[in-house]
């Protein structure tokens, strides 16, 4: 599932935000929205989930055109999910955001 794919540039390096989700569907929309509200324009958001919940997939599909990549497949926990997501990352900078947390604009 590929959506927006920003690129690195000299004046605005690409920042990759990785979010691993398991049983986090109630919090996912807030997490996704917090990234979309950032005032820094060059962000790719990668969401990785082992969750098979239909509601979570439906929510991710609603954001297809606004997140860079999402994938659902079995993993061995959060660190395995992060490592799988990192294989898809293009950013010069990488950060991890838990599904129950949010970034505020300007952070």
PDB file of N, CA and C in Angstrom:
ATOM      1  N   UNK A   1       0.851  -1.168   0.000  1.00  0.00           N
ATOM      2  CA  UNK A   1       0.000   0.000   0.000  1.00  0.00           C
ATOM      3  C   UNK A   1       0.893   1.227   0.000  1.00  0.00           C
ATOM      4  N   UNK A   2       1.030   1.893  -1.077  1.00  0.00           N
ATOM      5  CA  UNK A   2       1.876   3.081  -1.132  1.00  0.00           C
ATOM      6  C   UNK A   2       1.023   4.308  -1.352  1.00  0.00           C
ATOM      7  N   UNK A   3       1.310   5.332  -0.567  1.00  0.00           N
ATOM      8  CA  UNK A   3       0.617   6.599  -0.699  1.00  0.00           C
ATOM      9  C   UNK A   3       1.610   7.673  -1.070  1.00  0.00           C
ATOM     10  N   UNK A   4       1.746   8.661  -0.252  1.00  0.00           N
ATOM     11  CA  UNK A   4       2.625   9.796  -0.488  1.00  0.00           C
ATOM     12  C   UNK A   4       4.067   9.379  -0.237  1.00  0.00           C
ATOM     13  N   UNK A   5       4.935   9.635  -1.183  1.00  0.00           N
ATOM     14  CA  UNK A   5       6.347   9.294  -1.029  1.00  0.00           C
ATOM     15  C   UNK A   5       7.205  10.545  -1.185  1.00  0.00           C
ATOM     16  N   UNK A   6       7.444  11.281  -0.107  1.00  0.00           N
ATOM     17  CA  UNK A   6       8.323  12.452  -0.176  1.00  0.00           C
ATOM     18  C   UNK A   6       9.763  12.003  -0.453  1.00  0.00           C
ATOM     19  N   UNK A   7      10.606  12.954  -0.797  1.00  0.00           N
ATOM     20  CA  UNK A   7      11.998  12.638  -1.092  1.00  0.00           C
ATOM     21  C   UNK A   7      12.930  13.501  -0.251  1.00  0.00           C
ATOM     22  N   UNK A   8      14.161  13.010  -0.082  1.00  0.00           N
ATOM     23  CA  UNK A   8      15.187  13.800   0.597  1.00  0.00           C
ATOM     24  C   UNK A   8      15.560  14.996  -0.255  1.00  0.00           C
ATOM     25  N   UNK A   9      15.834  16.100   0.388  1.00  0.00           N
ATOM     26  CA  UNK A   9      16.380  17.264  -0.309  1.00  0.00           C
ATOM     27  C   UNK A   9      17.370  17.933   0.637  1.00  0.00           C
ATOM     28  N   UNK A  10      18.244  18.734   0.085  1.00  0.00           N
ATOM     29  CA  UNK A  10      19.288  19.363   0.898  1.00  0.00           C
ATOM     30  C   UNK A  10      18.698  20.297   1.952  1.00  0.00           C
ATOM     31  N   UNK A  11      17.653  21.021   1.602  1.00  0.00           N
ATOM     32  CA  UNK A  11      17.091  21.980   2.549  1.00  0.00           C
ATOM     33  C   UNK A  11      16.029  21.368   3.466  1.00  0.00           C
ATOM     34  N   UNK A  12      15.476  20.237   3.113  1.00  0.00           N
ATOM     35  CA  UNK A  12      14.464  19.573   3.942  1.00  0.00           C
ATOM     36  C   UNK A  12      14.675  18.057   3.899  1.00  0.00           C
ATOM     37  N   UNK A  13      15.540  17.539   4.769  1.00  0.00           N
ATOM     38  CA  UNK A  13      15.765  16.091   4.773  1.00  0.00           C
ATOM     39  C   UNK A  13      14.479  15.344   5.118  1.00  0.00           C
ATOM     40  N   UNK A  14      14.324  14.200   4.521  1.00  0.00           N
ATOM     41  CA  UNK A  14      13.153  13.363   4.760  1.00  0.00           C
ATOM     42  C   UNK A  14      13.221  12.755   6.157  1.00  0.00           C
ATOM     43  N   UNK A  15      12.132  12.845   6.883  1.00  0.00           N
ATOM     44  CA  UNK A  15      12.000  12.236   8.201  1.00  0.00           C
ATOM     45  C   UNK A  15      11.014  11.077   8.071  1.00  0.00           C
ATOM     46  N   UNK A  16      11.444   9.891   8.460  1.00  0.00           N
ATOM     47  CA  UNK A  16      10.569   8.724   8.467  1.00  0.00           C
ATOM     48  C   UNK A  16      10.065   8.506   9.882  1.00  0.00           C
ATOM     49  N   UNK A  17       8.757   8.389  10.015  1.00  0.00           N
ATOM     50  CA  UNK A  17       8.133   8.056  11.293  1.00  0.00           C
ATOM     51  C   UNK A  17       7.600   6.635  11.160  1.00  0.00           C
ATOM     52  N   UNK A  18       8.004   5.772  12.075  1.00  0.00           N
ATOM     53  CA  UNK A  18       7.574   4.374  12.076  1.00  0.00           C
ATOM     54  C   UNK A  18       6.639   4.141  13.255  1.00  0.00           C
ATOM     55  N   UNK A  19       5.481   3.563  12.969  1.00  0.00           N
ATOM     56  CA  UNK A  19       4.526   3.203  14.008  1.00  0.00           C
ATOM     57  C   UNK A  19       4.188   1.730  13.871  1.00  0.00           C
ATOM     58  N   UNK A  20       4.404   0.973  14.937  1.00  0.00           N
ATOM     59  CA  UNK A  20       3.999  -0.431  14.992  1.00  0.00           C
ATOM     60  C   UNK A  20       2.680  -0.500  15.764  1.00  0.00           C
ATOM     61  N   UNK A  21       1.740  -1.269  15.241  1.00  0.00           N
ATOM     62  CA  UNK A  21       0.398  -1.332  15.833  1.00  0.00           C
ATOM     63  C   UNK A  21       0.013  -2.775  16.104  1.00  0.00           C
ATOM     64  N   UNK A  22      -0.450  -3.032  17.321  1.00  0.00           N
ATOM     65  CA  UNK A  22      -1.101  -4.301  17.641  1.00  0.00           C
ATOM     66  C   UNK A  22      -2.158  -3.996  18.690  1.00  0.00           C
ATOM     67  N   UNK A  23      -3.388  -4.320  18.386  1.00  0.00           N
ATOM     68  CA  UNK A  23      -4.520  -4.004  19.261  1.00  0.00           C
ATOM     69  C   UNK A  23      -4.604  -2.504  19.548  1.00  0.00           C
ATOM     70  N   UNK A  24      -4.251  -1.686  18.589  1.00  0.00           N
ATOM     71  CA  UNK A  24      -4.226  -0.251  18.805  1.00  0.00           C
ATOM     72  C   UNK A  24      -5.209   0.524  17.959  1.00  0.00           C
ATOM     73  N   UNK A  25      -6.152  -0.152  17.353  1.00  0.00           N
ATOM     74  CA  UNK A  25      -7.081   0.513  16.444  1.00  0.00           C
ATOM     75  C   UNK A  25      -7.789   1.706  17.072  1.00  0.00           C
ATOM     76  N   UNK A  26      -8.207   1.654  18.345  1.00  0.00           N
ATOM     77  CA  UNK A  26      -8.889   2.823  18.906  1.00  0.00           C
ATOM     78  C   UNK A  26      -8.022   4.088  18.950  1.00  0.00           C
ATOM     79  N   UNK A  27      -6.702   3.938  18.960  1.00  0.00           N
ATOM     80  CA  UNK A  27      -5.798   5.080  19.054  1.00  0.00           C
ATOM     81  C   UNK A  27      -5.152   5.469  17.731  1.00  0.00           C
ATOM     82  N   UNK A  28      -5.318   4.644  16.724  1.00  0.00           N
ATOM     83  CA  UNK A  28      -4.570   4.838  15.482  1.00  0.00           C
ATOM     84  C   UNK A  28      -4.930   6.137  14.768  1.00  0.00           C
ATOM     85  N   UNK A  29      -6.189   6.484  14.685  1.00  0.00           N
ATOM     86  CA  UNK A  29      -6.576   7.706  13.963  1.00  0.00           C
ATOM     87  C   UNK A  29      -5.896   8.935  14.573  1.00  0.00           C
ATOM     88  N   UNK A  30      -5.867   9.034  15.889  1.00  0.00           N
ATOM     89  CA  UNK A  30      -5.205  10.163  16.540  1.00  0.00           C
ATOM     90  C   UNK A  30      -3.723  10.203  16.245  1.00  0.00           C
ATOM     91  N   UNK A  31      -3.090   9.049  16.224  1.00  0.00           N
ATOM     92  CA  UNK A  31      -1.667   8.952  15.909  1.00  0.00           C
ATOM     93  C   UNK A  31      -1.404   9.416  14.470  1.00  0.00           C
ATOM     94  N   UNK A  32      -2.190   8.906  13.528  1.00  0.00           N
ATOM     95  CA  UNK A  32      -2.023   9.285  12.126  1.00  0.00           C
ATOM     96  C   UNK A  32      -2.260  10.778  11.931  1.00  0.00           C
ATOM     97  N   UNK A  33      -3.305  11.291  12.547  1.00  0.00           N
ATOM     98  CA  UNK A  33      -3.631  12.717  12.418  1.00  0.00           C
ATOM     99  C   UNK A  33      -2.519  13.595  12.997  1.00  0.00           C
ATOM    100  N   UNK A  34      -1.873  13.142  14.063  1.00  0.00           N
ATOM    101  CA  UNK A  34      -0.802  13.951  14.654  1.00  0.00           C
ATOM    102  C   UNK A  34       0.360  14.125  13.682  1.00  0.00           C
ATOM    103  N   UNK A  35       0.620  13.127  12.869  1.00  0.00           N
ATOM    104  CA  UNK A  35       1.677  13.238  11.859  1.00  0.00           C
ATOM    105  C   UNK A  35       1.224  14.152  10.730  1.00  0.00           C
ATOM    106  N   UNK A  36      -0.023  14.017  10.325  1.00  0.00           N
ATOM    107  CA  UNK A  36      -0.537  14.839   9.231  1.00  0.00           C
ATOM    108  C   UNK A  36      -0.616  16.321   9.599  1.00  0.00           C
ATOM    109  N   UNK A  37      -0.701  16.639  10.875  1.00  0.00           N
ATOM    110  CA  UNK A  37      -0.776  18.038  11.328  1.00  0.00           C
ATOM    111  C   UNK A  37       0.592  18.699  11.499  1.00  0.00           C
ATOM    112  N   UNK A  38       1.648  17.979  11.250  1.00  0.00           N
ATOM    113  CA  UNK A  38       2.977  18.559  11.428  1.00  0.00           C
ATOM    114  C   UNK A  38       3.209  19.706  10.451  1.00  0.00           C
ATOM    115  N   UNK A  39       3.951  20.716  10.901  1.00  0.00           N
ATOM    116  CA  UNK A  39       4.251  21.830  10.014  1.00  0.00           C
ATOM    117  C   UNK A  39       5.518  21.580   9.183  1.00  0.00           C
ATOM    118  N   UNK A  40       6.252  20.540   9.495  1.00  0.00           N
ATOM    119  CA  UNK A  40       7.394  20.145   8.665  1.00  0.00           C
ATOM    120  C   UNK A  40       6.840  19.304   7.516  1.00  0.00           C
ATOM    121  N   UNK A  41       7.095  19.701   6.267  1.00  0.00           N
ATOM    122  CA  UNK A  41       6.400  19.070   5.145  1.00  0.00           C
ATOM    123  C   UNK A  41       6.992  17.764   4.620  1.00  0.00           C
ATOM    124  N   UNK A  42       8.186  17.404   5.018  1.00  0.00           N
ATOM    125  CA  UNK A  42       8.860  16.276   4.373  1.00  0.00           C
ATOM    126  C   UNK A  42       8.924  15.063   5.310  1.00  0.00           C
ATOM    127  N   UNK A  43       7.764  14.444   5.506  1.00  0.00           N
ATOM    128  CA  UNK A  43       7.643  13.308   6.419  1.00  0.00           C
ATOM    129  C   UNK A  43       7.037  12.129   5.678  1.00  0.00           C
ATOM    130  N   UNK A  44       7.628  10.973   5.880  1.00  0.00           N
ATOM    131  CA  UNK A  44       6.999   9.736   5.404  1.00  0.00           C
ATOM    132  C   UNK A  44       6.608   8.944   6.647  1.00  0.00           C
ATOM    133  N   UNK A  45       5.374   8.485   6.678  1.00  0.00           N
ATOM    134  CA  UNK A  45       4.882   7.721   7.823  1.00  0.00           C
ATOM    135  C   UNK A  45       4.682   6.276   7.373  1.00  0.00           C
ATOM    136  N   UNK A  46       5.323   5.357   8.084  1.00  0.00           N
ATOM    137  CA  UNK A  46       5.203   3.932   7.812  1.00  0.00           C
ATOM    138  C   UNK A  46       4.510   3.283   8.999  1.00  0.00           C
ATOM    139  N   UNK A  47       3.446   2.541   8.725  1.00  0.00           N
ATOM    140  CA  UNK A  47       2.689   1.854   9.772  1.00  0.00           C
ATOM    141  C   UNK A  47       2.805   0.357   9.519  1.00  0.00           C
ATOM    142  N   UNK A  48       3.210  -0.369  10.546  1.00  0.00           N
ATOM    143  CA  UNK A  48       3.366  -1.825  10.446  1.00  0.00           C
ATOM    144  C   UNK A  48       2.491  -2.465  11.501  1.00  0.00           C
ATOM    145  N   UNK A  49       1.719  -3.456  11.095  1.00  0.00           N
ATOM    146  CA  UNK A  49       0.825  -4.108  12.039  1.00  0.00           C
ATOM    147  C   UNK A  49       0.775  -5.608  11.822  1.00  0.00           C
ATOM    148  N   UNK A  50       0.637  -6.331  12.904  1.00  0.00           N
ATOM    149  CA  UNK A  50       0.370  -7.767  12.854  1.00  0.00           C
ATOM    150  C   UNK A  50      -1.094  -8.012  13.193  1.00  0.00           C
ATOM    151  N   UNK A  51      -1.804  -6.946  13.454  1.00  0.00           N
ATOM    152  CA  UNK A  51      -3.212  -7.010  13.833  1.00  0.00           C
ATOM    153  C   UNK A  51      -4.051  -7.396  12.618  1.00  0.00           C
ATOM    154  N   UNK A  52      -4.940  -8.343  12.778  1.00  0.00           N
ATOM    155  CA  UNK A  52      -5.787  -8.806  11.675  1.00  0.00           C
ATOM    156  C   UNK A  52      -7.196  -8.232  11.767  1.00  0.00           C
ATOM    157  N   UNK A  53      -7.395  -7.223  12.583  1.00  0.00           N
ATOM    158  CA  UNK A  53      -8.724  -6.647  12.779  1.00  0.00           C
ATOM    159  C   UNK A  53      -9.166  -5.884  11.529  1.00  0.00           C
ATOM    160  N   UNK A  54     -10.350  -6.207  11.062  1.00  0.00           N
ATOM    161  CA  UNK A  54     -10.897  -5.566   9.879  1.00  0.00           C
ATOM    162  C   UNK A  54     -11.039  -4.056  10.075  1.00  0.00           C
ATOM    163  N   UNK A  55     -11.431  -3.627  11.266  1.00  0.00           N
ATOM    164  CA  UNK A  55     -11.607  -2.198  11.529  1.00  0.00           C
ATOM    165  C   UNK A  55     -10.289  -1.446  11.364  1.00  0.00           C
ATOM    166  N   UNK A  56      -9.180  -2.051  11.784  1.00  0.00           N
ATOM    167  CA  UNK A  56      -7.876  -1.414  11.638  1.00  0.00           C
ATOM    168  C   UNK A  56      -7.516  -1.289  10.161  1.00  0.00           C
ATOM    169  N   UNK A  57      -7.732  -2.328   9.394  1.00  0.00           N
ATOM    170  CA  UNK A  57      -7.428  -2.280   7.966  1.00  0.00           C
ATOM    171  C   UNK A  57      -8.274  -1.230   7.267  1.00  0.00           C
ATOM    172  N   UNK A  58      -9.539  -1.146   7.636  1.00  0.00           N
ATOM    173  CA  UNK A  58     -10.419  -0.154   7.024  1.00  0.00           C
ATOM    174  C   UNK A  58      -9.912   1.260   7.324  1.00  0.00           C
ATOM    175  N   UNK A  59      -9.471   1.480   8.545  1.00  0.00           N
ATOM    176  CA  UNK A  59      -8.942   2.790   8.908  1.00  0.00           C
ATOM    177  C   UNK A  59      -7.675   3.100   8.112  1.00  0.00           C
ATOM    178  N   UNK A  60      -6.776   2.147   8.011  1.00  0.00           N
ATOM    179  CA  UNK A  60      -5.550   2.365   7.241  1.00  0.00           C
ATOM    180  C   UNK A  60      -5.868   2.652   5.773  1.00  0.00           C
ATOM    181  N   UNK A  61      -6.839   1.983   5.219  1.00  0.00           N
ATOM    182  CA  UNK A  61      -7.235   2.238   3.830  1.00  0.00           C
ATOM    183  C   UNK A  61      -7.774   3.656   3.651  1.00  0.00           C
ATOM    184  N   UNK A  62      -8.401   4.200   4.693  1.00  0.00           N
ATOM    185  CA  UNK A  62      -8.893   5.579   4.623  1.00  0.00           C
ATOM    186  C   UNK A  62      -7.732   6.575   4.517  1.00  0.00           C
ATOM    187  N   UNK A  63      -6.568   6.188   5.015  1.00  0.00           N
ATOM    188  CA  UNK A  63      -5.394   7.061   5.009  1.00  0.00           C
ATOM    189  C   UNK A  63      -4.405   6.715   3.903  1.00  0.00           C
ATOM    190  N   UNK A  64      -4.754   5.791   3.015  1.00  0.00           N
ATOM    191  CA  UNK A  64      -3.840   5.347   1.960  1.00  0.00           C
ATOM    192  C   UNK A  64      -3.156   6.480   1.215  1.00  0.00           C
ATOM    193  N   UNK A  65      -3.886   7.525   0.917  1.00  0.00           N
ATOM    194  CA  UNK A  65      -3.338   8.607   0.114  1.00  0.00           C
ATOM    195  C   UNK A  65      -2.569   9.634   0.942  1.00  0.00           C
ATOM    196  N   UNK A  66      -2.486   9.421   2.264  1.00  0.00           N
ATOM    197  CA  UNK A  66      -1.819  10.403   3.121  1.00  0.00           C
ATOM    198  C   UNK A  66      -0.681   9.813   3.949  1.00  0.00           C
ATOM    199  N   UNK A  67      -0.490   8.506   3.884  1.00  0.00           N
ATOM    200  CA  UNK A  67       0.668   7.897   4.543  1.00  0.00           C
ATOM    201  C   UNK A  67       1.509   7.209   3.471  1.00  0.00           C
ATOM    202  N   UNK A  68       2.792   7.091   3.735  1.00  0.00           N
ATOM    203  CA  UNK A  68       3.706   6.562   2.725  1.00  0.00           C
ATOM    204  C   UNK A  68       3.508   5.071   2.494  1.00  0.00           C
ATOM    205  N   UNK A  69       3.340   4.323   3.574  1.00  0.00           N
ATOM    206  CA  UNK A  69       3.322   2.865   3.427  1.00  0.00           C
ATOM    207  C   UNK A  69       2.707   2.247   4.664  1.00  0.00           C
ATOM    208  N   UNK A  70       1.915   1.198   4.455  1.00  0.00           N
ATOM    209  CA  UNK A  70       1.468   0.387   5.584  1.00  0.00           C
ATOM    210  C   UNK A  70       1.433  -1.062   5.152  1.00  0.00           C
ATOM    211  N   UNK A  71       1.690  -1.907   6.117  1.00  0.00           N
ATOM    212  CA  UNK A  71       1.753  -3.344   5.843  1.00  0.00           C
ATOM    213  C   UNK A  71       1.189  -4.099   7.038  1.00  0.00           C
ATOM    214  N   UNK A  72       0.507  -5.174   6.763  1.00  0.00           N
ATOM    215  CA  UNK A  72       0.005  -6.053   7.810  1.00  0.00           C
ATOM    216  C   UNK A  72       0.501  -7.462   7.544  1.00  0.00           C
ATOM    217  N   UNK A  73       1.304  -7.952   8.461  1.00  0.00           N
ATOM    218  CA  UNK A  73       1.795  -9.319   8.375  1.00  0.00           C
ATOM    219  C   UNK A  73       2.282  -9.745   9.748  1.00  0.00           C
ATOM    220  N   UNK A  74       2.355 -11.029   9.994  1.00  0.00           N
ATOM    221  CA  UNK A  74       2.811 -11.503  11.310  1.00  0.00           C
ATOM    222  C   UNK A  74       4.229 -11.017  11.615  1.00  0.00           C
ATOM    223  N   UNK A  75       4.465 -10.761  12.885  1.00  0.00           N
ATOM    224  CA  UNK A  75       5.810 -10.415  13.326  1.00  0.00           C
ATOM    225  C   UNK A  75       6.023 -11.012  14.708  1.00  0.00           C
ATOM    226  N   UNK A  76       7.212 -10.819  15.245  1.00  0.00           N
ATOM    227  CA  UNK A  76       7.575 -11.391  16.536  1.00  0.00           C
ATOM    228  C   UNK A  76       7.591 -10.347  17.644  1.00  0.00           C
ATOM    229  N   UNK A  77       6.809  -9.304  17.469  1.00  0.00           N
ATOM    230  CA  UNK A  77       6.752  -8.249  18.476  1.00  0.00           C
ATOM    231  C   UNK A  77       7.161  -6.909  17.912  1.00  0.00           C
ATOM    232  N   UNK A  78       7.133  -5.903  18.767  1.00  0.00           N
ATOM    233  CA  UNK A  78       7.343  -4.527  18.325  1.00  0.00           C
ATOM    234  C   UNK A  78       8.706  -4.312  17.672  1.00  0.00           C
ATOM    235  N   UNK A  79       9.759  -4.912  18.190  1.00  0.00           N
ATOM    236  CA  UNK A  79      11.089  -4.690  17.619  1.00  0.00           C
ATOM    237  C   UNK A  79      11.214  -5.336  16.249  1.00  0.00           C
ATOM    238  N   UNK A  80      10.608  -6.479  16.069  1.00  0.00           N
ATOM    239  CA  UNK A  80      10.587  -7.124  14.759  1.00  0.00           C
ATOM    240  C   UNK A  80       9.778  -6.277  13.775  1.00  0.00           C
ATOM    241  N   UNK A  81       8.647  -5.751  14.219  1.00  0.00           N
ATOM    242  CA  UNK A  81       7.837  -4.883  13.359  1.00  0.00           C
ATOM    243  C   UNK A  81       8.627  -3.633  12.971  1.00  0.00           C
ATOM    244  N   UNK A  82       9.319  -3.018  13.927  1.00  0.00           N
ATOM    245  CA  UNK A  82      10.132  -1.842  13.607  1.00  0.00           C
ATOM    246  C   UNK A  82      11.200  -2.173  12.574  1.00  0.00           C
ATOM    247  N   UNK A  83      11.877  -3.298  12.747  1.00  0.00           N
ATOM    248  CA  UNK A  83      12.924  -3.679  11.794  1.00  0.00           C
ATOM    249  C   UNK A  83      12.362  -3.921  10.406  1.00  0.00           C
ATOM    250  N   UNK A  84      11.192  -4.540  10.326  1.00  0.00           N
ATOM    251  CA  UNK A  84      10.554  -4.746   9.023  1.00  0.00           C
ATOM    252  C   UNK A  84      10.193  -3.407   8.390  1.00  0.00           C
ATOM    253  N   UNK A  85       9.676  -2.492   9.188  1.00  0.00           N
ATOM    254  CA  UNK A  85       9.314  -1.171   8.676  1.00  0.00           C
ATOM    255  C   UNK A  85      10.549  -0.401   8.217  1.00  0.00           C
ATOM    256  N   UNK A  86      11.652  -0.545   8.940  1.00  0.00           N
ATOM    257  CA  UNK A  86      12.886   0.152   8.563  1.00  0.00           C
ATOM    258  C   UNK A  86      13.374  -0.248   7.171  1.00  0.00           C
ATOM    259  N   UNK A  87      13.088  -1.477   6.775  1.00  0.00           N
ATOM    260  CA  UNK A  87      13.471  -1.931   5.432  1.00  0.00           C
ATOM    261  C   UNK A  87      12.751  -1.132   4.342  1.00  0.00           C
ATOM    262  N   UNK A  88      11.633  -0.509   4.682  1.00  0.00           N
ATOM    263  CA  UNK A  88      10.860   0.295   3.733  1.00  0.00           C
ATOM    264  C   UNK A  88      11.152   1.789   3.834  1.00  0.00           C
ATOM    265  N   UNK A  89      11.914   2.191   4.841  1.00  0.00           N
ATOM    266  CA  UNK A  89      12.143   3.606   5.122  1.00  0.00           C
ATOM    267  C   UNK A  89      13.122   4.232   4.126  1.00  0.00           C
ATOM    268  N   UNK A  90      12.867   5.493   3.808  1.00  0.00           N
ATOM    269  CA  UNK A  90      13.735   6.252   2.914  1.00  0.00           C
ATOM    270  C   UNK A  90      14.331   7.476   3.589  1.00  0.00           C
ATOM    271  N   UNK A  91      13.940   7.747   4.797  1.00  0.00           N
ATOM    272  CA  UNK A  91      14.332   8.983   5.463  1.00  0.00           C
ATOM    273  C   UNK A  91      15.795   9.046   5.870  1.00  0.00           C
ATOM    274  N   UNK A  92      16.287  10.272   5.886  1.00  0.00           N
ATOM    275  CA  UNK A  92      17.617  10.533   6.417  1.00  0.00           C
ATOM    276  C   UNK A  92      17.564  10.485   7.948  1.00  0.00           C
ATOM    277  N   UNK A  93      16.414  10.847   8.494  1.00  0.00           N
ATOM    278  CA  UNK A  93      16.145  10.785   9.931  1.00  0.00           C
ATOM    279  C   UNK A  93      14.997   9.817  10.150  1.00  0.00           C
ATOM    280  N   UNK A  94      15.080   9.031  11.230  1.00  0.00           N
ATOM    281  CA  UNK A  94      14.033   8.055  11.539  1.00  0.00           C
ATOM    282  C   UNK A  94      13.651   8.191  12.997  1.00  0.00           C
ATOM    283  N   UNK A  95      12.356   8.160  13.260  1.00  0.00           N
ATOM    284  CA  UNK A  95      11.878   8.160  14.639  1.00  0.00           C
ATOM    285  C   UNK A  95      10.739   7.159  14.762  1.00  0.00           C
ATOM    286  N   UNK A  96      10.473   6.771  15.976  1.00  0.00           N
ATOM    287  CA  UNK A  96       9.436   5.787  16.259  1.00  0.00           C
ATOM    288  C   UNK A  96       8.346   6.456  17.088  1.00  0.00           C
ATOM    289  N   UNK A  97       7.109   6.222  16.700  1.00  0.00           N
ATOM    290  CA  UNK A  97       5.970   6.798  17.399  1.00  0.00           C
ATOM    291  C   UNK A  97       5.015   5.684  17.774  1.00  0.00           C
ATOM    292  N   UNK A  98       4.765   5.532  19.063  1.00  0.00           N
ATOM    293  CA  UNK A  98       3.803   4.536  19.518  1.00  0.00           C
ATOM    294  C   UNK A  98       2.392   4.932  19.128  1.00  0.00           C
ATOM    295  N   UNK A  99       1.558   3.951  18.921  1.00  0.00           N
ATOM    296  CA  UNK A  99       0.191   4.214  18.470  1.00  0.00           C
ATOM    297  C   UNK A  99      -0.632   4.969  19.507  1.00  0.00           C
ATOM    298  N   UNK A 100      -0.236   4.906  20.758  1.00  0.00           N
ATOM    299  CA  UNK A 100      -0.982   5.614  21.800  1.00  0.00           C
ATOM    300  C   UNK A 100      -0.431   7.012  22.078  1.00  0.00           C
ATOM    301  N   UNK A 101       0.550   7.446  21.280  1.00  0.00           N
ATOM    302  CA  UNK A 101       1.138   8.765  21.467  1.00  0.00           C
ATOM    303  C   UNK A 101       0.937   9.617  20.227  1.00  0.00           C
ATOM    304  N   UNK A 102       1.186  10.897  20.377  1.00  0.00           N
ATOM    305  CA  UNK A 102       1.006  11.843  19.262  1.00  0.00           C
ATOM    306  C   UNK A 102       2.130  12.854  19.271  1.00  0.00           C
ATOM    307  N   UNK A 103       2.399  13.420  18.113  1.00  0.00           N
ATOM    308  CA  UNK A 103       3.288  14.554  18.019  1.00  0.00           C
ATOM    309  C   UNK A 103       2.435  15.804  17.866  1.00  0.00           C
ATOM    310  N   UNK A 104       2.883  16.888  18.470  1.00  0.00           N
ATOM    311  CA  UNK A 104       2.217  18.163  18.282  1.00  0.00           C
ATOM    312  C   UNK A 104       2.959  18.935  17.200  1.00  0.00           C
ATOM    313  N   UNK A 105       2.278  19.791  16.449  1.00  0.00           N
ATOM    314  CA  UNK A 105       2.998  20.591  15.437  1.00  0.00           C
ATOM    315  C   UNK A 105       4.160  21.339  16.075  1.00  0.00           C
ATOM    316  N   UNK A 106       5.242  21.391  15.355  1.00  0.00           N
ATOM    317  CA  UNK A 106       6.426  22.096  15.838  1.00  0.00           C
ATOM    318  C   UNK A 106       7.383  21.236  16.632  1.00  0.00           C
ATOM    319  N   UNK A 107       7.067  19.982  16.856  1.00  0.00           N
ATOM    320  CA  UNK A 107       7.964  19.117  17.644  1.00  0.00           C
ATOM    321  C   UNK A 107       9.005  18.490  16.777  1.00  0.00           C
TER     322      UNK A 107
END
